[in-house]
């Protein structure tokens, strides 16, 4: 396998949940609590389908809100519930923070493109002790089009002032990888599921950060 030359990129764009931190236990707990509160039990299939996707899709499927305002109120309720559990349940992905620091040390600018609200993104980056290295943060939460639509990554490239082809994006979930690839980024899928056939459209597939480092010659 030919190594990927990092010199072809000016910036690295990271997803957050599942890529840098594992916060899914906190979000699963929050979704179940709010679903029970509204008398809308959520199935495991619905929970699995929501991983890596924006909160609005899960809310529409589970809660069937009457209108956009009602849907947004439920989203904010889940975010607030999630915040109460993230401190205890969110864990760093092994090797993620050091990998981000190494890319920054090699001269790549660092950006975040996540579906989480910006205040939770910043909190996670502070936990990883990399917040000061991140130049651009794009939260897809308030955007009119979210992952897997390319728009969040298109906006990230715009904020960086760089063409998408000069960016390398790191994603663990299919919707995020589709968003990055659709926007024209060199897309690296990383994580236990990332080596599967459904991620074959990505430019690089790695099971974990040591595997990713090998493929990048780091």
C-alpha atoms as a PDB file:
ATOM      1  CA  UNK A   1       0.000   0.000   0.000  1.00  0.00           C
ATOM      2  CA  UNK A   2       1.420   3.385  -1.031  1.00  0.00           C
ATOM      3  CA  UNK A   3       1.838   5.878   1.790  1.00  0.00           C
ATOM      4  CA  UNK A   4      -0.163   9.106   1.710  1.00  0.00           C
ATOM      5  CA  UNK A   5       2.041  12.210   1.522  1.00  0.00           C
ATOM      6  CA  UNK A   6       0.856  14.697   4.146  1.00  0.00           C
ATOM      7  CA  UNK A   7       2.665  17.491   2.286  1.00  0.00           C
ATOM      8  CA  UNK A   8      -0.240  17.607  -0.155  1.00  0.00           C
ATOM      9  CA  UNK A   9      -2.517  19.008   2.589  1.00  0.00           C
ATOM     10  CA  UNK A  10      -2.669  22.396   4.263  1.00  0.00           C
ATOM     11  CA  UNK A  11      -5.184  21.513   6.970  1.00  0.00           C
ATOM     12  CA  UNK A  12      -6.711  18.568   8.782  1.00  0.00           C
ATOM     13  CA  UNK A  13     -10.408  18.494   9.642  1.00  0.00           C
ATOM     14  CA  UNK A  14     -11.621  16.205  12.417  1.00  0.00           C
ATOM     15  CA  UNK A  15     -15.029  14.947  13.336  1.00  0.00           C
ATOM     16  CA  UNK A  16     -15.494  14.815  17.116  1.00  0.00           C
ATOM     17  CA  UNK A  17     -17.733  12.021  18.407  1.00  0.00           C
ATOM     18  CA  UNK A  18     -16.253   8.627  17.623  1.00  0.00           C
ATOM     19  CA  UNK A  19     -13.166  10.182  16.011  1.00  0.00           C
ATOM     20  CA  UNK A  20     -11.557  12.100  18.877  1.00  0.00           C
ATOM     21  CA  UNK A  21     -13.789  11.124  21.806  1.00  0.00           C
ATOM     22  CA  UNK A  22     -16.202   8.320  22.582  1.00  0.00           C
ATOM     23  CA  UNK A  23     -19.301  10.095  23.858  1.00  0.00           C
ATOM     24  CA  UNK A  24     -21.873   7.633  22.529  1.00  0.00           C
ATOM     25  CA  UNK A  25     -22.670   6.135  25.985  1.00  0.00           C
ATOM     26  CA  UNK A  26     -23.612   9.619  27.224  1.00  0.00           C
ATOM     27  CA  UNK A  27     -25.701  10.398  24.153  1.00  0.00           C
ATOM     28  CA  UNK A  28     -27.455   7.037  24.236  1.00  0.00           C
ATOM     29  CA  UNK A  29     -28.386   7.596  27.874  1.00  0.00           C
ATOM     30  CA  UNK A  30     -29.610  11.123  27.122  1.00  0.00           C
ATOM     31  CA  UNK A  31     -31.705  10.010  24.136  1.00  0.00           C
ATOM     32  CA  UNK A  32     -33.337   7.211  26.130  1.00  0.00           C
ATOM     33  CA  UNK A  33     -34.111   9.484  29.097  1.00  0.00           C
ATOM     34  CA  UNK A  34     -35.735  12.141  26.914  1.00  0.00           C
ATOM     35  CA  UNK A  35     -37.595   9.547  24.815  1.00  0.00           C
ATOM     36  CA  UNK A  36     -39.021   7.974  27.975  1.00  0.00           C
ATOM     37  CA  UNK A  37     -39.913  11.414  29.307  1.00  0.00           C
ATOM     38  CA  UNK A  38     -42.007  12.033  26.184  1.00  0.00           C
ATOM     39  CA  UNK A  39     -43.501   8.542  26.149  1.00  0.00           C
ATOM     40  CA  UNK A  40     -41.618   7.689  22.957  1.00  0.00           C
ATOM     41  CA  UNK A  41     -39.467   4.629  23.677  1.00  0.00           C
ATOM     42  CA  UNK A  42     -36.532   4.402  21.311  1.00  0.00           C
ATOM     43  CA  UNK A  43     -35.567   1.045  19.818  1.00  0.00           C
ATOM     44  CA  UNK A  44     -31.994  -0.192  19.590  1.00  0.00           C
ATOM     45  CA  UNK A  45     -32.296  -0.096  15.797  1.00  0.00           C
ATOM     46  CA  UNK A  46     -33.238   3.588  15.970  1.00  0.00           C
ATOM     47  CA  UNK A  47     -30.375   4.210  18.391  1.00  0.00           C
ATOM     48  CA  UNK A  48     -27.878   2.470  16.116  1.00  0.00           C
ATOM     49  CA  UNK A  49     -29.168   4.413  13.099  1.00  0.00           C
ATOM     50  CA  UNK A  50     -28.645   7.720  14.917  1.00  0.00           C
ATOM     51  CA  UNK A  51     -24.907   7.198  15.472  1.00  0.00           C
ATOM     52  CA  UNK A  52     -22.913   9.682  13.414  1.00  0.00           C
ATOM     53  CA  UNK A  53     -26.009  11.522  12.254  1.00  0.00           C
ATOM     54  CA  UNK A  54     -27.409  14.888  13.217  1.00  0.00           C
ATOM     55  CA  UNK A  55     -29.853  14.954  16.107  1.00  0.00           C
ATOM     56  CA  UNK A  56     -32.701  16.244  13.936  1.00  0.00           C
ATOM     57  CA  UNK A  57     -32.973  12.959  12.017  1.00  0.00           C
ATOM     58  CA  UNK A  58     -33.342  10.901  15.183  1.00  0.00           C
ATOM     59  CA  UNK A  59     -35.843  13.364  16.658  1.00  0.00           C
ATOM     60  CA  UNK A  60     -37.971  13.212  13.518  1.00  0.00           C
ATOM     61  CA  UNK A  61     -37.934   9.399  13.479  1.00  0.00           C
ATOM     62  CA  UNK A  62     -38.600   8.817  17.180  1.00  0.00           C
ATOM     63  CA  UNK A  63     -40.630  11.800  18.371  1.00  0.00           C
ATOM     64  CA  UNK A  64     -42.598  12.757  15.230  1.00  0.00           C
ATOM     65  CA  UNK A  65     -42.714  16.417  16.339  1.00  0.00           C
ATOM     66  CA  UNK A  66     -45.571  18.574  15.141  1.00  0.00           C
ATOM     67  CA  UNK A  67     -43.346  21.287  13.682  1.00  0.00           C
ATOM     68  CA  UNK A  68     -39.783  22.568  13.491  1.00  0.00           C
ATOM     69  CA  UNK A  69     -40.049  24.501  16.767  1.00  0.00           C
ATOM     70  CA  UNK A  70     -41.208  21.390  18.608  1.00  0.00           C
ATOM     71  CA  UNK A  71     -38.397  19.383  17.040  1.00  0.00           C
ATOM     72  CA  UNK A  72     -35.802  21.960  18.055  1.00  0.00           C
ATOM     73  CA  UNK A  73     -37.085  21.994  21.627  1.00  0.00           C
ATOM     74  CA  UNK A  74     -36.558  18.220  21.827  1.00  0.00           C
ATOM     75  CA  UNK A  75     -33.076  18.501  20.325  1.00  0.00           C
ATOM     76  CA  UNK A  76     -32.112  21.083  22.956  1.00  0.00           C
ATOM     77  CA  UNK A  77     -33.589  18.869  25.660  1.00  0.00           C
ATOM     78  CA  UNK A  78     -31.367  15.982  24.533  1.00  0.00           C
ATOM     79  CA  UNK A  79     -28.302  18.248  24.372  1.00  0.00           C
ATOM     80  CA  UNK A  80     -28.975  19.472  27.929  1.00  0.00           C
ATOM     81  CA  UNK A  81     -29.469  15.918  29.203  1.00  0.00           C
ATOM     82  CA  UNK A  82     -26.331  14.770  27.383  1.00  0.00           C
ATOM     83  CA  UNK A  83     -24.275  17.516  28.997  1.00  0.00           C
ATOM     84  CA  UNK A  84     -25.106  16.123  32.442  1.00  0.00           C
ATOM     85  CA  UNK A  85     -23.594  12.743  31.495  1.00  0.00           C
ATOM     86  CA  UNK A  86     -20.661  13.698  29.275  1.00  0.00           C
ATOM     87  CA  UNK A  87     -18.357  14.536  32.162  1.00  0.00           C
ATOM     88  CA  UNK A  88     -18.645  10.998  33.527  1.00  0.00           C
ATOM     89  CA  UNK A  89     -19.097   8.958  30.349  1.00  0.00           C
ATOM     90  CA  UNK A  90     -17.099  10.695  27.589  1.00  0.00           C
ATOM     91  CA  UNK A  91     -13.687   9.123  27.011  1.00  0.00           C
ATOM     92  CA  UNK A  92     -10.793  10.080  24.677  1.00  0.00           C
ATOM     93  CA  UNK A  93     -10.224   7.797  21.694  1.00  0.00           C
ATOM     94  CA  UNK A  94      -6.768   6.233  22.294  1.00  0.00           C
ATOM     95  CA  UNK A  95      -4.098   8.061  20.322  1.00  0.00           C
ATOM     96  CA  UNK A  96      -6.409  10.741  18.951  1.00  0.00           C
ATOM     97  CA  UNK A  97      -5.100  13.793  20.801  1.00  0.00           C
ATOM     98  CA  UNK A  98      -1.449  12.920  20.146  1.00  0.00           C
ATOM     99  CA  UNK A  99      -2.222  12.380  16.460  1.00  0.00           C
ATOM    100  CA  UNK A 100      -3.888  15.802  16.230  1.00  0.00           C
ATOM    101  CA  UNK A 101      -0.919  17.404  18.000  1.00  0.00           C
ATOM    102  CA  UNK A 102       1.516  15.716  15.628  1.00  0.00           C
ATOM    103  CA  UNK A 103      -0.321  16.981  12.557  1.00  0.00           C
ATOM    104  CA  UNK A 104      -0.301  20.491  14.005  1.00  0.00           C
ATOM    105  CA  UNK A 105       3.422  20.131  14.706  1.00  0.00           C
ATOM    106  CA  UNK A 106       3.963  19.246  11.050  1.00  0.00           C
ATOM    107  CA  UNK A 107       2.409  22.564  10.047  1.00  0.00           C
ATOM    108  CA  UNK A 108      -1.146  21.511   9.218  1.00  0.00           C
ATOM    109  CA  UNK A 109      -3.892  23.838  10.336  1.00  0.00           C
ATOM    110  CA  UNK A 110      -6.539  22.087  12.447  1.00  0.00           C
ATOM    111  CA  UNK A 111     -10.313  22.363  12.162  1.00  0.00           C
ATOM    112  CA  UNK A 112     -13.302  20.592  13.707  1.00  0.00           C
ATOM    113  CA  UNK A 113     -16.499  19.743  11.834  1.00  0.00           C
ATOM    114  CA  UNK A 114     -19.009  18.093  14.147  1.00  0.00           C
ATOM    115  CA  UNK A 115     -22.760  17.683  14.519  1.00  0.00           C
ATOM    116  CA  UNK A 116     -22.522  18.577  18.222  1.00  0.00           C
ATOM    117  CA  UNK A 117     -23.293  22.077  19.532  1.00  0.00           C
ATOM    118  CA  UNK A 118     -20.209  24.294  19.595  1.00  0.00           C
ATOM    119  CA  UNK A 119     -20.083  24.612  23.384  1.00  0.00           C
ATOM    120  CA  UNK A 120     -19.899  20.813  23.701  1.00  0.00           C
ATOM    121  CA  UNK A 121     -17.226  20.641  20.988  1.00  0.00           C
ATOM    122  CA  UNK A 122     -15.109  23.144  22.896  1.00  0.00           C
ATOM    123  CA  UNK A 123     -15.639  21.272  26.155  1.00  0.00           C
ATOM    124  CA  UNK A 124     -14.429  18.010  24.574  1.00  0.00           C
ATOM    125  CA  UNK A 125     -11.398  19.683  23.004  1.00  0.00           C
ATOM    126  CA  UNK A 126     -10.518  21.189  26.371  1.00  0.00           C
ATOM    127  CA  UNK A 127     -10.767  17.721  27.921  1.00  0.00           C
ATOM    128  CA  UNK A 128      -8.302  16.486  25.277  1.00  0.00           C
ATOM    129  CA  UNK A 129      -6.082  19.543  25.922  1.00  0.00           C
ATOM    130  CA  UNK A 130      -6.029  20.480  22.229  1.00  0.00           C
ATOM    131  CA  UNK A 131      -8.489  23.384  22.144  1.00  0.00           C
ATOM    132  CA  UNK A 132      -5.688  25.916  21.647  1.00  0.00           C
ATOM    133  CA  UNK A 133      -4.545  24.070  18.497  1.00  0.00           C
ATOM    134  CA  UNK A 134      -7.914  24.238  16.726  1.00  0.00           C
ATOM    135  CA  UNK A 135      -8.261  27.207  14.395  1.00  0.00           C
ATOM    136  CA  UNK A 136     -11.779  26.646  13.025  1.00  0.00           C
ATOM    137  CA  UNK A 137     -14.804  25.001  14.641  1.00  0.00           C
ATOM    138  CA  UNK A 138     -17.901  24.275  12.584  1.00  0.00           C
ATOM    139  CA  UNK A 139     -20.937  22.945  14.409  1.00  0.00           C
ATOM    140  CA  UNK A 140     -23.447  21.473  12.000  1.00  0.00           C
ATOM    141  CA  UNK A 141     -26.159  21.781  14.660  1.00  0.00           C
ATOM    142  CA  UNK A 142     -27.475  25.196  13.531  1.00  0.00           C
ATOM    143  CA  UNK A 143     -26.840  24.623   9.821  1.00  0.00           C
ATOM    144  CA  UNK A 144     -29.687  24.235   7.307  1.00  0.00           C
ATOM    145  CA  UNK A 145     -28.054  21.089   5.888  1.00  0.00           C
ATOM    146  CA  UNK A 146     -26.145  18.647   8.051  1.00  0.00           C
ATOM    147  CA  UNK A 147     -24.119  15.475   7.588  1.00  0.00           C
ATOM    148  CA  UNK A 148     -24.287  13.430   5.362  1.00  0.00           C
ATOM    149  CA  UNK A 149     -24.869  16.525   3.193  1.00  0.00           C
ATOM    150  CA  UNK A 150     -21.524  18.005   2.029  1.00  0.00           C
ATOM    151  CA  UNK A 151     -22.421  21.487   3.296  1.00  0.00           C
ATOM    152  CA  UNK A 152     -20.756  21.289   6.770  1.00  0.00           C
ATOM    153  CA  UNK A 153     -17.407  20.397   5.208  1.00  0.00           C
ATOM    154  CA  UNK A 154     -17.861  22.915   2.404  1.00  0.00           C
ATOM    155  CA  UNK A 155     -18.378  25.576   5.071  1.00  0.00           C
ATOM    156  CA  UNK A 156     -15.295  24.373   6.958  1.00  0.00           C
ATOM    157  CA  UNK A 157     -13.158  24.725   3.834  1.00  0.00           C
ATOM    158  CA  UNK A 158     -14.616  28.191   3.270  1.00  0.00           C
ATOM    159  CA  UNK A 159     -13.794  29.274   6.832  1.00  0.00           C
ATOM    160  CA  UNK A 160     -10.244  27.975   6.410  1.00  0.00           C
ATOM    161  CA  UNK A 161      -9.960  29.826   3.100  1.00  0.00           C
ATOM    162  CA  UNK A 162      -8.693  26.671   1.409  1.00  0.00           C
ATOM    163  CA  UNK A 163      -9.866  24.523  -1.506  1.00  0.00           C
ATOM    164  CA  UNK A 164     -11.332  21.210  -0.282  1.00  0.00           C
ATOM    165  CA  UNK A 165      -8.653  19.266  -2.158  1.00  0.00           C
ATOM    166  CA  UNK A 166      -6.049  20.715   0.239  1.00  0.00           C
ATOM    167  CA  UNK A 167      -7.869  19.275   3.272  1.00  0.00           C
ATOM    168  CA  UNK A 168      -7.695  15.817   4.813  1.00  0.00           C
ATOM    169  CA  UNK A 169     -10.778  14.858   6.793  1.00  0.00           C
ATOM    170  CA  UNK A 170     -11.026  12.245   9.537  1.00  0.00           C
ATOM    171  CA  UNK A 171     -14.351  10.539  10.211  1.00  0.00           C
ATOM    172  CA  UNK A 172     -15.511   7.391  11.988  1.00  0.00           C
ATOM    173  CA  UNK A 173     -19.148   7.218  10.845  1.00  0.00           C
ATOM    174  CA  UNK A 174     -20.634   6.722   7.409  1.00  0.00           C
ATOM    175  CA  UNK A 175     -22.712   9.955   7.279  1.00  0.00           C
ATOM    176  CA  UNK A 176     -19.682  12.061   8.195  1.00  0.00           C
ATOM    177  CA  UNK A 177     -17.430  10.302   5.707  1.00  0.00           C
ATOM    178  CA  UNK A 178     -20.057  10.829   3.000  1.00  0.00           C
ATOM    179  CA  UNK A 179     -20.217  14.517   3.921  1.00  0.00           C
ATOM    180  CA  UNK A 180     -16.440  14.965   3.750  1.00  0.00           C
ATOM    181  CA  UNK A 181     -16.025  13.019   0.525  1.00  0.00           C
ATOM    182  CA  UNK A 182     -18.974  14.798  -1.065  1.00  0.00           C
ATOM    183  CA  UNK A 183     -17.365  18.148  -0.272  1.00  0.00           C
ATOM    184  CA  UNK A 184     -14.172  17.099  -2.066  1.00  0.00           C
ATOM    185  CA  UNK A 185     -11.897  16.361   0.889  1.00  0.00           C
ATOM    186  CA  UNK A 186      -9.374  13.542   0.967  1.00  0.00           C
ATOM    187  CA  UNK A 187     -11.349  11.385   3.377  1.00  0.00           C
ATOM    188  CA  UNK A 188      -9.802   9.072   5.957  1.00  0.00           C
ATOM    189  CA  UNK A 189     -12.184   6.708   7.723  1.00  0.00           C
ATOM    190  CA  UNK A 190     -10.931   5.590  11.126  1.00  0.00           C
ATOM    191  CA  UNK A 191     -12.375   3.206  13.673  1.00  0.00           C
ATOM    192  CA  UNK A 192     -13.493  -0.386  14.178  1.00  0.00           C
ATOM    193  CA  UNK A 193     -16.121  -0.164  11.422  1.00  0.00           C
ATOM    194  CA  UNK A 194     -14.056   1.975   9.046  1.00  0.00           C
ATOM    195  CA  UNK A 195     -12.329  -0.896   7.283  1.00  0.00           C
ATOM    196  CA  UNK A 196     -15.642  -2.359   6.099  1.00  0.00           C
ATOM    197  CA  UNK A 197     -16.852  -2.428   2.513  1.00  0.00           C
ATOM    198  CA  UNK A 198     -19.359   0.371   3.107  1.00  0.00           C
ATOM    199  CA  UNK A 199     -16.424   2.763   3.603  1.00  0.00           C
ATOM    200  CA  UNK A 200     -14.688   1.699   0.381  1.00  0.00           C
ATOM    201  CA  UNK A 201     -15.459   5.091  -1.207  1.00  0.00           C
ATOM    202  CA  UNK A 202     -13.067   6.739   1.280  1.00  0.00           C
ATOM    203  CA  UNK A 203      -9.497   7.506   0.254  1.00  0.00           C
ATOM    204  CA  UNK A 204      -8.064   5.766   3.293  1.00  0.00           C
ATOM    205  CA  UNK A 205      -9.449   3.214   5.772  1.00  0.00           C
ATOM    206  CA  UNK A 206      -7.802   2.616   9.148  1.00  0.00           C
ATOM    207  CA  UNK A 207      -8.866   0.498  12.109  1.00  0.00           C
ATOM    208  CA  UNK A 208      -7.253   2.795  14.696  1.00  0.00           C
ATOM    209  CA  UNK A 209      -4.679   5.560  15.098  1.00  0.00           C
ATOM    210  CA  UNK A 210      -1.605   3.289  14.949  1.00  0.00           C
ATOM    211  CA  UNK A 211      -2.943   1.906  11.645  1.00  0.00           C
ATOM    212  CA  UNK A 212      -3.621   5.455  10.436  1.00  0.00           C
ATOM    213  CA  UNK A 213      -0.084   6.527  11.338  1.00  0.00           C
ATOM    214  CA  UNK A 214       1.383   3.626   9.369  1.00  0.00           C
ATOM    215  CA  UNK A 215      -0.581   4.574   6.275  1.00  0.00           C
ATOM    216  CA  UNK A 216       0.497   8.214   6.601  1.00  0.00           C
ATOM    217  CA  UNK A 217       4.163   7.352   7.191  1.00  0.00           C
ATOM    218  CA  UNK A 218       4.159   8.929  10.655  1.00  0.00           C
END
